[in-house]
């Protein structure tokens, strides 16, 4: 699925090159030319992933990463560092600061997109196009189709994203607030009970197949996708 990717790079030519590659792959690039403007963008809305240049004017990429990892809101935000520094000690420093992966300059578009896909699959599987299956329930992000047993079921866009997120994070309990952040976006302010309404809609369409039981209510905590 398309991802919103914040590109923090101070060289305009490289910034535009990366943006073109991301758009060609179906992603939405969000440009920032220094750490300060990147932080401002993140305060407005969390991206799905950050592509971060090591050498930036003002705050360095390493210092920026440490800032994000110290904030509960951004501590799990996937980060890939772009760097011309390929020495082992540099990679160790980057990994210790909290980056998820490195892409060494110069890099090929194929390598960059492959690294992005791998990190998203690991850290944000709901942003990938991988087919998801739990028991007799199957969701295909590419065709936007859900089948329960052998029968197709119709879901609205929000219910589809909600089910996709739960299916890609099975056996984990998420509060209503966490689901709002992950599915609706942390910049959207709606009542937490909105989640209950959409959970009921998902269960309603799954009920004829008996698969509505996969979505469990955890009293006092939230919801969990059971993976039998």
Protein backbone atom coordinates (compact mmCIF):
# COMPACT_ATOMS: atom_id res chain seq x y z
CA UNK A 1 0.00 0.00 0.00
CA UNK A 2 1.18 3.57 -0.57
CA UNK A 3 3.21 5.03 2.28
CA UNK A 4 3.82 8.63 3.34
CA UNK A 5 7.61 8.94 3.48
CA UNK A 6 9.36 11.95 4.99
CA UNK A 7 12.57 12.65 3.06
CA UNK A 8 15.03 14.68 5.14
CA UNK A 9 17.75 15.69 2.68
CA UNK A 10 19.36 19.11 2.27
CA UNK A 11 20.55 18.71 -1.34
CA UNK A 12 17.69 19.67 -3.71
CA UNK A 13 18.90 17.42 -6.56
CA UNK A 14 19.00 14.32 -4.35
CA UNK A 15 15.72 15.32 -2.71
CA UNK A 16 13.97 15.50 -6.10
CA UNK A 17 15.57 12.28 -7.33
CA UNK A 18 14.34 10.37 -4.29
CA UNK A 19 10.89 11.98 -4.54
CA UNK A 20 10.57 10.89 -8.18
CA UNK A 21 11.52 7.32 -7.28
CA UNK A 22 9.03 7.22 -4.42
CA UNK A 23 6.21 8.63 -6.55
CA UNK A 24 6.95 6.09 -9.28
CA UNK A 25 6.60 3.32 -6.66
CA UNK A 26 3.25 4.73 -5.54
CA UNK A 27 4.45 6.38 -2.33
CA UNK A 28 3.95 10.00 -1.27
CA UNK A 29 7.22 11.86 -0.58
CA UNK A 30 7.16 14.60 2.06
CA UNK A 31 10.20 16.89 1.66
CA UNK A 32 12.21 18.44 4.49
CA UNK A 33 15.60 20.09 4.07
CA UNK A 34 16.76 20.08 7.69
CA UNK A 35 15.92 18.41 11.00
CA UNK A 36 13.99 21.39 12.34
CA UNK A 37 11.51 21.46 9.44
CA UNK A 38 11.27 17.66 9.62
CA UNK A 39 10.28 17.88 13.29
CA UNK A 40 7.64 20.46 12.42
CA UNK A 41 6.22 18.14 9.75
CA UNK A 42 6.14 15.21 12.18
CA UNK A 43 4.34 17.31 14.79
CA UNK A 44 1.57 17.90 12.25
CA UNK A 45 1.26 14.28 11.12
CA UNK A 46 3.29 11.10 11.57
CA UNK A 47 4.72 9.69 8.33
CA UNK A 48 4.96 5.95 7.74
CA UNK A 49 8.74 6.10 7.38
CA UNK A 50 11.63 8.59 7.45
CA UNK A 51 14.48 8.67 4.94
CA UNK A 52 17.15 10.63 6.77
CA UNK A 53 20.44 12.08 5.55
CA UNK A 54 23.27 11.76 8.08
CA UNK A 55 24.90 15.12 7.29
CA UNK A 56 22.33 17.89 7.71
CA UNK A 57 22.69 21.61 8.45
CA UNK A 58 22.12 22.28 12.14
CA UNK A 59 21.03 19.09 13.89
CA UNK A 60 22.69 15.98 12.45
CA UNK A 61 20.81 12.87 11.37
CA UNK A 62 22.14 11.00 14.41
CA UNK A 63 20.95 13.70 16.83
CA UNK A 64 17.60 13.83 15.02
CA UNK A 65 17.18 10.06 15.37
CA UNK A 66 17.93 10.22 19.09
CA UNK A 67 15.33 12.98 19.47
CA UNK A 68 12.68 10.85 17.79
CA UNK A 69 13.53 7.76 19.83
CA UNK A 70 13.17 9.68 23.10
CA UNK A 71 9.60 10.74 22.28
CA UNK A 72 6.90 8.08 22.98
CA UNK A 73 4.96 9.32 19.94
CA UNK A 74 7.86 8.71 17.52
CA UNK A 75 9.97 6.06 19.24
CA UNK A 76 8.73 3.31 16.87
CA UNK A 77 8.81 5.44 13.70
CA UNK A 78 10.78 3.53 11.01
CA UNK A 79 13.99 5.35 9.99
CA UNK A 80 16.36 4.59 7.13
CA UNK A 81 19.55 6.63 7.12
CA UNK A 82 21.11 7.83 3.87
CA UNK A 83 24.85 8.25 4.20
CA UNK A 84 28.13 8.33 2.31
CA UNK A 85 29.77 6.96 5.45
CA UNK A 86 30.07 3.22 5.00
CA UNK A 87 32.62 2.38 7.70
CA UNK A 88 31.62 -0.22 10.27
CA UNK A 89 31.96 2.18 13.20
CA UNK A 90 29.62 4.65 11.48
CA UNK A 91 26.97 1.96 11.01
CA UNK A 92 27.34 0.90 14.63
CA UNK A 93 26.87 4.52 15.74
CA UNK A 94 23.77 4.83 13.59
CA UNK A 95 22.25 1.57 14.81
CA UNK A 96 22.93 2.51 18.42
CA UNK A 97 21.13 5.82 17.86
CA UNK A 98 18.05 3.89 16.73
CA UNK A 99 17.96 3.79 12.91
CA UNK A 100 16.44 0.68 11.33
CA UNK A 101 18.63 0.43 8.23
CA UNK A 102 21.25 2.18 6.10
CA UNK A 103 21.45 3.04 2.42
CA UNK A 104 24.93 4.08 1.35
CA UNK A 105 25.32 6.81 -1.25
CA UNK A 106 25.41 6.49 -4.18
CA UNK A 107 22.50 4.04 -4.26
CA UNK A 108 20.31 2.55 -6.96
CA UNK A 109 16.54 3.17 -7.02
CA UNK A 110 15.98 -0.58 -6.82
CA UNK A 111 18.07 -0.90 -3.66
CA UNK A 112 16.38 2.08 -2.00
CA UNK A 113 12.86 0.80 -2.70
CA UNK A 114 13.84 -2.70 -1.59
CA UNK A 115 15.15 -1.38 1.73
CA UNK A 116 12.00 0.70 2.22
CA UNK A 117 9.78 -2.31 1.57
CA UNK A 118 11.78 -4.49 3.96
CA UNK A 119 11.66 -1.96 6.81
CA UNK A 120 7.94 -1.28 6.30
CA UNK A 121 7.22 -5.01 6.28
CA UNK A 122 9.09 -5.39 9.56
CA UNK A 123 7.98 -2.24 11.37
CA UNK A 124 4.71 -1.24 9.66
CA UNK A 125 3.30 -4.31 7.87
CA UNK A 126 -0.06 -2.57 7.38
CA UNK A 127 1.61 -0.25 4.83
CA UNK A 128 2.71 -3.08 2.51
CA UNK A 129 0.82 -4.81 -0.30
CA UNK A 130 1.42 -8.30 1.07
CA UNK A 131 -1.55 -10.67 1.17
CA UNK A 132 -2.65 -11.30 4.76
CA UNK A 133 -4.39 -14.49 5.89
CA UNK A 134 -5.59 -15.57 9.32
CA UNK A 135 -7.43 -18.86 9.26
CA UNK A 136 -10.22 -18.58 6.68
CA UNK A 137 -10.02 -14.77 6.63
CA UNK A 138 -8.00 -13.27 3.78
CA UNK A 139 -7.25 -9.64 2.92
CA UNK A 140 -5.55 -8.48 -0.28
CA UNK A 141 -4.37 -4.84 -0.10
CA UNK A 142 -3.61 -4.67 -3.83
CA UNK A 143 -7.09 -5.60 -5.01
CA UNK A 144 -8.75 -4.19 -1.87
CA UNK A 145 -10.66 -7.46 -1.42
CA UNK A 146 -11.56 -9.41 1.69
CA UNK A 147 -12.83 -12.98 1.71
CA UNK A 148 -14.29 -14.78 4.71
CA UNK A 149 -14.21 -18.49 4.01
CA UNK A 150 -14.88 -18.62 0.29
CA UNK A 151 -17.20 -15.62 0.28
CA UNK A 152 -16.20 -12.04 -0.57
CA UNK A 153 -17.24 -9.40 1.96
CA UNK A 154 -17.68 -5.68 1.41
CA UNK A 155 -15.95 -3.21 3.73
CA UNK A 156 -15.75 0.56 3.63
CA UNK A 157 -12.30 2.22 3.42
CA UNK A 158 -11.99 2.81 7.17
CA UNK A 159 -13.16 -0.70 8.08
CA UNK A 160 -10.71 -2.12 5.53
CA UNK A 161 -7.78 -0.21 7.07
CA UNK A 162 -8.86 -1.22 10.56
CA UNK A 163 -9.10 -4.90 9.67
CA UNK A 164 -5.79 -4.73 7.80
CA UNK A 165 -4.03 -3.24 10.80
CA UNK A 166 -5.44 -5.84 13.20
CA UNK A 167 -4.61 -8.72 10.86
CA UNK A 168 -1.01 -7.55 10.44
CA UNK A 169 -0.59 -7.27 14.23
CA UNK A 170 -2.21 -10.47 15.54
CA UNK A 171 -2.31 -11.41 19.22
CA UNK A 172 -1.48 -7.85 20.30
CA UNK A 173 -3.92 -5.75 22.29
CA UNK A 174 -4.48 -2.19 21.06
CA UNK A 175 -6.35 0.49 22.94
CA UNK A 176 -8.89 2.67 21.17
CA UNK A 177 -6.44 5.58 21.24
CA UNK A 178 -3.72 3.45 19.64
CA UNK A 179 -6.09 2.26 16.91
CA UNK A 180 -7.13 5.85 16.21
CA UNK A 181 -3.48 6.84 15.78
CA UNK A 182 -2.61 3.87 13.58
CA UNK A 183 -5.73 3.72 11.39
CA UNK A 184 -7.15 7.25 11.35
CA UNK A 185 -3.84 9.08 11.90
CA UNK A 186 -2.55 10.80 15.01
CA UNK A 187 -3.50 14.22 13.60
CA UNK A 188 -7.19 13.30 13.39
CA UNK A 189 -9.21 14.18 16.48
CA UNK A 190 -12.32 12.04 16.87
CA UNK A 191 -13.99 10.40 19.83
CA UNK A 192 -12.43 7.08 20.88
CA UNK A 193 -15.86 5.44 20.72
CA UNK A 194 -15.64 5.86 16.95
CA UNK A 195 -13.43 2.78 17.04
CA UNK A 196 -16.24 0.75 18.62
CA UNK A 197 -18.61 1.74 15.82
CA UNK A 198 -16.21 0.56 13.12
CA UNK A 199 -15.33 -2.64 14.99
CA UNK A 200 -19.06 -3.46 15.09
CA UNK A 201 -19.32 -2.87 11.35
CA UNK A 202 -16.41 -5.23 10.66
CA UNK A 203 -17.87 -7.90 12.92
CA UNK A 204 -21.27 -7.55 11.26
CA UNK A 205 -19.94 -8.42 7.80
CA UNK A 206 -17.85 -11.29 9.18
CA UNK A 207 -20.66 -12.72 11.30
CA UNK A 208 -22.23 -14.98 8.61
CA UNK A 209 -18.92 -16.84 8.30
CA UNK A 210 -18.39 -17.02 12.06
CA UNK A 211 -15.08 -15.19 11.67
CA UNK A 212 -16.28 -12.20 13.67
CA UNK A 213 -14.99 -14.13 16.70
CA UNK A 214 -11.43 -13.47 15.53
CA UNK A 215 -11.74 -9.87 16.75
CA UNK A 216 -11.73 -10.06 20.52
CA UNK A 217 -12.68 -7.37 23.01
CA UNK A 218 -10.20 -7.19 25.88
CA UNK A 219 -12.10 -5.63 28.74
CA UNK A 220 -10.51 -2.44 30.01
CA UNK A 221 -7.77 -2.55 27.35
CA UNK A 222 -9.08 -2.54 23.76
CA UNK A 223 -9.16 -5.04 20.93
CA UNK A 224 -7.07 -7.97 19.71
CA UNK A 225 -7.02 -10.04 16.54
CA UNK A 226 -6.91 -13.70 17.52
CA UNK A 227 -4.74 -15.94 15.37
CA UNK A 228 -5.89 -19.52 15.96
